[in-house]
Protein backbone atom coordinates (compact mmCIF):
# COMPACT_ATOMS: atom_id res chain seq x y z
CA MET A 1 -225.62 49.51 1.48
CA ALA A 2 -223.66 50.67 4.55
CA ASP A 3 -222.38 54.20 4.89
CA SER A 4 -218.78 54.90 3.89
CA SER A 5 -216.55 57.02 6.13
CA PHE A 6 -213.07 58.36 6.77
CA ASP A 7 -211.32 60.15 9.62
CA ILE A 8 -209.63 63.55 9.46
CA VAL A 9 -206.63 63.67 11.80
CA SER A 10 -203.57 65.81 12.42
CA LYS A 11 -200.70 63.62 13.56
CA VAL A 12 -196.96 64.29 13.65
CA ASP A 13 -194.59 61.52 12.54
CA GLN A 14 -192.18 61.66 15.51
CA GLN A 15 -189.55 59.58 13.71
CA GLU A 16 -189.46 61.94 10.73
CA VAL A 17 -189.20 64.94 13.08
CA ALA A 18 -186.31 63.29 14.94
CA ASN A 19 -184.57 62.51 11.63
CA ALA A 20 -185.02 66.10 10.42
CA VAL A 21 -183.64 67.53 13.69
CA ASN A 22 -180.64 65.17 13.51
CA GLN A 23 -179.96 66.13 9.89
CA ALA A 24 -180.23 69.84 10.75
CA ALA A 25 -177.86 69.42 13.73
CA LYS A 26 -175.33 67.62 11.54
CA GLU A 27 -175.50 70.33 8.85
CA ILE A 28 -175.14 73.09 11.45
CA SER A 29 -172.07 71.41 12.96
CA GLN A 30 -170.42 71.16 9.51
CA ARG A 31 -171.27 74.50 7.88
CA TYR A 32 -168.63 77.21 7.92
CA ASP A 33 -171.09 80.05 8.62
CA PHE A 34 -172.14 78.33 11.87
CA LYS A 35 -168.56 77.95 13.24
CA ASN A 36 -167.95 79.66 16.60
CA VAL A 37 -171.50 80.99 16.97
CA GLY A 38 -172.73 78.32 19.40
CA ALA A 39 -175.50 77.26 17.02
CA SER A 40 -177.43 74.11 17.88
CA VAL A 41 -180.80 72.44 17.45
CA GLU A 42 -182.20 69.66 19.62
CA LEU A 43 -185.41 67.76 20.16
CA SER A 44 -186.54 67.14 23.73
CA GLY A 45 -189.90 65.46 24.03
CA GLU A 46 -192.45 67.56 22.14
CA THR A 47 -190.22 70.67 21.88
CA ILE A 48 -187.53 71.65 19.39
CA ARG A 49 -185.00 74.07 20.86
CA MET A 50 -182.71 76.22 18.68
CA THR A 51 -179.85 78.31 20.08
CA ALA A 52 -177.13 80.60 18.69
CA SER A 53 -175.00 83.54 19.80
CA SER A 54 -176.80 86.04 17.54
CA GLU A 55 -180.37 86.62 16.46
CA GLU A 56 -179.52 86.20 12.74
CA ARG A 57 -177.76 82.86 13.34
CA CYS A 58 -180.74 81.64 15.38
CA ARG A 59 -183.05 82.48 12.46
CA ALA A 60 -180.62 80.67 10.12
CA VAL A 61 -180.83 77.56 12.35
CA LEU A 62 -184.63 77.78 12.09
CA ASP A 63 -184.36 78.01 8.30
CA VAL A 64 -182.14 74.90 8.13
CA LEU A 65 -184.58 73.00 10.40
CA GLN A 66 -187.63 74.02 8.34
CA THR A 67 -185.89 72.92 5.14
CA LYS A 68 -185.14 69.48 6.63
CA LEU A 69 -188.70 69.10 7.93
CA VAL A 70 -190.23 69.92 4.54
CA LYS A 71 -187.88 67.49 2.76
CA ARG A 72 -189.04 64.75 5.12
CA GLY A 73 -192.72 65.49 4.52
CA VAL A 74 -193.50 67.08 7.90
CA SER A 75 -195.83 70.06 7.60
CA LEU A 76 -194.60 73.30 9.19
CA LYS A 77 -198.15 73.78 10.51
CA HIS A 78 -197.27 71.24 13.24
CA LEU A 79 -194.86 73.77 14.80
CA ASP A 80 -196.10 76.24 17.41
CA TYR A 81 -193.39 78.87 18.03
CA SER A 82 -192.82 80.65 21.32
CA ASN A 83 -192.59 84.48 21.10
CA ASP A 84 -194.29 84.47 17.65
CA GLY A 85 -191.21 82.92 16.06
CA GLU A 86 -188.81 85.61 17.29
CA PRO A 87 -185.58 84.48 19.03
CA ARG A 88 -185.25 85.85 22.56
CA LEU A 89 -182.07 86.66 24.45
CA SER A 90 -181.38 84.27 27.33
CA GLY A 91 -178.10 85.06 29.06
CA LYS A 92 -175.49 85.32 26.30
CA GLU A 93 -177.38 83.33 23.67
CA TYR A 94 -180.54 83.64 21.64
CA ARG A 95 -183.12 80.88 21.95
CA LEU A 96 -186.15 79.88 19.95
CA GLU A 97 -188.50 77.05 20.87
CA ALA A 98 -191.13 75.31 18.78
CA ALA A 99 -193.65 72.92 20.29
CA LEU A 100 -195.00 70.06 18.15
CA GLN A 101 -198.78 70.10 17.79
CA SER A 102 -200.81 66.94 17.25
CA GLY A 103 -204.55 66.62 17.02
CA ILE A 104 -207.20 69.02 15.84
CA SER A 105 -208.30 71.61 18.40
CA SER A 106 -212.03 71.88 19.05
CA GLU A 107 -212.00 75.35 17.48
CA ASN A 108 -210.42 74.06 14.25
CA ALA A 109 -212.66 70.96 14.28
CA LYS A 110 -215.74 73.21 14.38
CA LYS A 111 -214.33 75.33 11.55
CA ILE A 112 -213.64 72.24 9.38
CA SER A 113 -217.06 70.79 10.18
CA LYS A 114 -218.71 74.07 9.16
CA ILE A 115 -216.79 74.11 5.84
CA ILE A 116 -217.92 70.55 5.09
CA ARG A 117 -221.57 71.31 5.92
CA GLU A 118 -221.69 74.58 3.95
CA GLU A 119 -219.51 73.85 0.91
CA GLY A 120 -219.44 70.05 0.74
CA PRO A 121 -221.90 67.73 -1.00
CA LYS A 122 -225.32 67.19 0.57
CA GLY A 123 -225.69 64.02 2.62
CA VAL A 124 -222.18 64.22 4.09
CA LYS A 125 -222.13 64.24 7.90
CA PRO A 126 -219.04 65.41 9.85
CA THR A 127 -218.80 64.30 13.49
CA ILE A 128 -216.24 65.63 15.98
CA GLN A 129 -214.65 62.82 18.01
CA GLY A 130 -212.11 64.22 20.45
CA ASP A 131 -209.16 65.58 18.47
CA GLU A 132 -210.31 64.16 15.11
CA LEU A 133 -213.32 64.23 12.81
CA ARG A 134 -215.23 61.37 11.22
CA VAL A 135 -216.98 62.09 7.92
CA THR A 136 -219.73 59.72 6.75
CA SER A 137 -221.78 59.51 3.59
CA LYS A 138 -223.64 56.98 1.49
CA SER A 139 -221.50 57.87 -1.55
CA ARG A 140 -217.73 57.36 -1.72
CA ASP A 141 -217.62 60.01 -4.45
CA ASP A 142 -218.98 62.56 -1.98
CA LEU A 143 -216.25 61.61 0.52
CA GLN A 144 -213.59 62.12 -2.14
CA GLU A 145 -215.15 65.48 -2.96
CA VAL A 146 -214.84 66.48 0.73
CA GLN A 147 -211.14 65.50 0.69
CA ARG A 148 -210.55 67.63 -2.43
CA LEU A 149 -212.43 70.52 -0.83
CA LEU A 150 -210.33 70.43 2.36
CA LYS A 151 -207.03 70.04 0.47
CA GLY A 152 -207.88 73.22 -1.44
CA LYS A 153 -208.43 75.23 1.76
CA ASP A 154 -205.64 77.01 3.64
CA LEU A 155 -206.33 75.84 7.18
CA ASP A 156 -204.33 76.49 10.37
CA VAL A 157 -203.72 72.76 10.84
CA ALA A 158 -202.09 70.01 8.77
CA LEU A 159 -204.65 67.32 7.88
CA GLN A 160 -204.36 63.64 7.04
CA PHE A 161 -207.20 61.36 5.90
CA THR A 162 -207.26 57.88 7.46
CA ASN A 163 -209.53 54.83 8.01
CA TYR A 164 -211.20 55.08 4.62
CA ARG A 165 -214.06 52.54 4.72
């Protein structure tokens, strides 16, 4: 019998991110507490930019955006904030930027691979392939056990399991 396998990836659904940003922008334009504070949120390429006239309003824009992302099933672990998530003054407005992260860094891939080897079932082999991992085993039950193990861990990266064969 051939070995079974699946891939561990970390991909961002760009359409869901765009929808969440559009929803957040619409809410910000309609809410009374955002009137006359120059609050906005926009997506440009792989970066989400939030602006407002005060630091508190900029944080409130971030909160609205995070709420919309979670409702659309986008993990907040895909966001990499500039300045450790603190708005910075730029001219007369406060700005906060968040870059979208896709793929598993080699450092995180090594960490995940180590968890699988140490805590996972015997006979399961993780292999790093670029920005994703392939996990192989003779037993599908062992592969499902690895998925349960990784879902129970609090990792720095959002994981999806694909190509289950």
